[in-house]
Structure formats: structure tokens, C-alpha cells
């Protein structure tokens, strides 16, 4: 009988040890699962960032293509011809210089008239 009791005690201790080991295994598996969940969330976050960046790149690509198309149209129409652009700019500057001269002349005439009137 005492042998049976000791045998039962040994079995209980063995089962307790197994339970402790099982609890330890469960805790390890839970930690592994938590790590996997964190990695999964990190990957999802990276995928969202990648999608956002891809969309931004596509938008920039579209804008660049539109600008290139405009440049090509300007080149084909000769609007980007440097000599022509310089000519247009020179003409505009000359017109402005002429306008300034005209205004200066008018001012001088008005000053002269004013002098004559104040005498």
C-alpha cells in the first residue's frame, strides 16, 4: 500500500513536471506568436508605406511626363530657341527703355512748363 502511495506520488510529481513543461512550452509558443504578430504588423506597415511611395512616384512620373510633353511642344514650335528668346527679350527691353525715355522727356517738358508758369 505504501508502495502504491509512493507510486501515485511519483506519478503526481511526474504529471506536475509535465504540466510545468507544458505551461513553459505554451508560454514560449505565445511569445513566438507575439513576435510573429509584431513582424506581421511591421510588414503590413511597410507595405502601406511602399504603396504610398509607389503612388507618389507614379504621380511624380506623370507630372514629369506632362512637363516633358510641354517642353517637346515648345521645342517643336521654336519657343525654346535661345536666339529667338533673346531677340524677344531684347525687343521687350528696348520697348521698356523707349517708354522710360519718353516718360523722362515728358517729365522734363512738364518741369519746363512749370518753370515758365512760376516766373
Protein backbone atom coordinates (compact mmCIF):
# COMPACT_ATOMS: atom_id res chain seq x y z
CA UNK A 1 0.00 0.00 0.00
CA UNK A 2 2.76 2.39 0.90
CA UNK A 3 4.44 1.43 -2.33
CA UNK A 4 1.24 2.26 -4.18
CA UNK A 5 1.03 5.63 -2.43
CA UNK A 6 4.63 6.37 -3.30
CA UNK A 7 3.95 5.28 -6.86
CA UNK A 8 0.93 7.63 -7.01
CA UNK A 9 3.03 10.46 -5.51
CA UNK A 10 5.68 9.83 -8.15
CA UNK A 11 3.04 9.86 -10.88
CA UNK A 12 1.61 13.12 -9.48
CA UNK A 13 5.09 14.69 -9.44
CA UNK A 14 5.69 13.43 -12.98
CA UNK A 15 2.37 14.93 -14.11
CA UNK A 16 3.18 18.21 -12.31
CA UNK A 17 6.53 18.27 -14.11
CA UNK A 18 4.78 17.61 -17.42
CA UNK A 19 2.26 20.38 -16.67
CA UNK A 20 5.06 22.78 -15.78
CA UNK A 21 6.85 21.85 -19.00
CA UNK A 22 3.59 22.23 -20.95
CA UNK A 23 2.99 25.66 -19.39
CA UNK A 24 6.54 26.64 -20.28
CA UNK A 25 6.01 25.38 -23.85
CA UNK A 26 2.73 27.31 -24.05
CA UNK A 27 4.46 30.49 -22.84
CA UNK A 28 7.26 30.02 -25.39
CA UNK A 29 4.71 29.46 -28.16
CA UNK A 30 2.79 32.54 -27.02
CA UNK A 31 5.97 34.64 -27.14
CA UNK A 32 6.75 33.27 -30.61
CA UNK A 33 3.20 34.09 -31.71
CA UNK A 34 3.52 37.63 -30.31
CA UNK A 35 6.80 38.09 -32.22
CA UNK A 36 5.16 36.80 -35.40
CA UNK A 37 2.22 39.17 -34.91
CA UNK A 38 4.60 42.11 -34.41
CA UNK A 39 6.59 41.13 -37.52
CA UNK A 40 3.36 40.76 -39.48
CA UNK A 41 2.18 44.22 -38.40
CA UNK A 42 5.57 45.68 -39.26
CA UNK A 43 5.40 44.09 -42.73
CA UNK A 44 1.86 45.41 -43.24
CA UNK A 45 3.06 48.87 -42.23
CA UNK A 46 5.97 48.64 -44.67
CA UNK A 47 3.60 47.50 -47.41
CA UNK A 48 1.34 50.50 -46.75
CA UNK A 49 4.37 52.81 -46.89
CA UNK A 50 5.51 51.13 -50.10
CA UNK A 51 2.06 51.61 -51.63
CA UNK A 52 2.07 55.28 -50.63
CA UNK A 53 5.57 55.77 -52.03
CA UNK A 54 4.66 53.92 -55.22
CA UNK A 55 1.64 56.17 -55.64
CA UNK A 56 3.78 59.26 -55.03
CA UNK A 57 6.36 58.05 -57.55
CA UNK A 58 3.61 57.41 -60.10
CA UNK A 59 2.21 60.91 -59.56
CA UNK A 60 5.68 62.43 -59.94
CA UNK A 61 6.30 60.32 -63.02
CA UNK A 62 3.04 61.58 -64.52
CA UNK A 63 3.97 65.20 -63.76
CA UNK A 64 7.42 64.74 -65.31
CA UNK A 65 5.87 63.19 -68.41
CA UNK A 66 3.45 66.13 -68.69
CA UNK A 67 6.30 68.62 -68.32
CA UNK A 68 8.39 66.75 -70.91
CA UNK A 69 5.45 66.82 -73.28
CA UNK A 70 5.13 70.59 -72.79
CA UNK A 71 8.87 71.05 -73.36
CA UNK A 72 8.67 68.95 -76.53
CA UNK A 73 5.76 71.06 -77.77
CA UNK A 74 7.67 74.26 -77.00
CA UNK A 75 10.77 72.92 -78.73
CA UNK A 76 8.81 71.87 -81.80
CA UNK A 77 7.17 75.30 -82.02
CA UNK A 78 10.55 77.02 -81.68
CA UNK A 79 9.57 78.77 -78.46
CA UNK A 80 12.63 77.42 -76.71
CA UNK A 81 15.01 78.62 -79.41
CA UNK A 82 17.61 80.57 -77.43
CA UNK A 83 18.30 83.12 -80.15
CA UNK A 84 14.61 83.75 -80.66
CA UNK A 85 14.08 84.05 -76.91
CA UNK A 86 16.99 86.51 -76.68
CA UNK A 87 15.55 88.53 -79.56
CA UNK A 88 12.15 88.72 -77.92
CA UNK A 89 13.74 89.68 -74.62
CA UNK A 90 15.92 92.33 -76.28
CA UNK A 91 12.89 93.75 -78.09
CA UNK A 92 10.92 93.93 -74.85
CA UNK A 93 13.84 95.62 -73.07
CA UNK A 94 14.20 98.16 -75.88
CA UNK A 95 10.46 98.91 -75.74
CA UNK A 96 10.70 99.49 -72.00
CA UNK A 97 13.80 101.67 -72.41
CA UNK A 98 11.97 103.71 -75.06
CA UNK A 99 8.99 104.07 -72.75
CA UNK A 100 11.26 105.24 -69.92
CA UNK A 101 12.93 107.77 -72.22
CA UNK A 102 9.54 109.03 -73.33
CA UNK A 103 8.40 109.43 -69.74
CA UNK A 104 11.65 111.24 -68.84
CA UNK A 105 11.13 113.57 -71.79
CA UNK A 106 7.56 114.27 -70.69
CA UNK A 107 8.73 115.00 -67.16
CA UNK A 108 11.35 117.41 -68.43
CA UNK A 109 8.75 119.18 -70.58
CA UNK A 110 6.33 119.43 -67.67
CA UNK A 111 9.10 120.78 -65.43
CA UNK A 112 9.91 123.37 -68.08
CA UNK A 113 6.25 124.36 -68.36
CA UNK A 114 6.07 124.61 -64.58
CA UNK A 115 9.15 126.87 -64.53
CA UNK A 116 7.62 129.12 -67.13
CA UNK A 117 4.35 129.33 -65.25
CA UNK A 118 6.03 130.18 -61.96
CA UNK A 119 8.02 133.11 -63.43
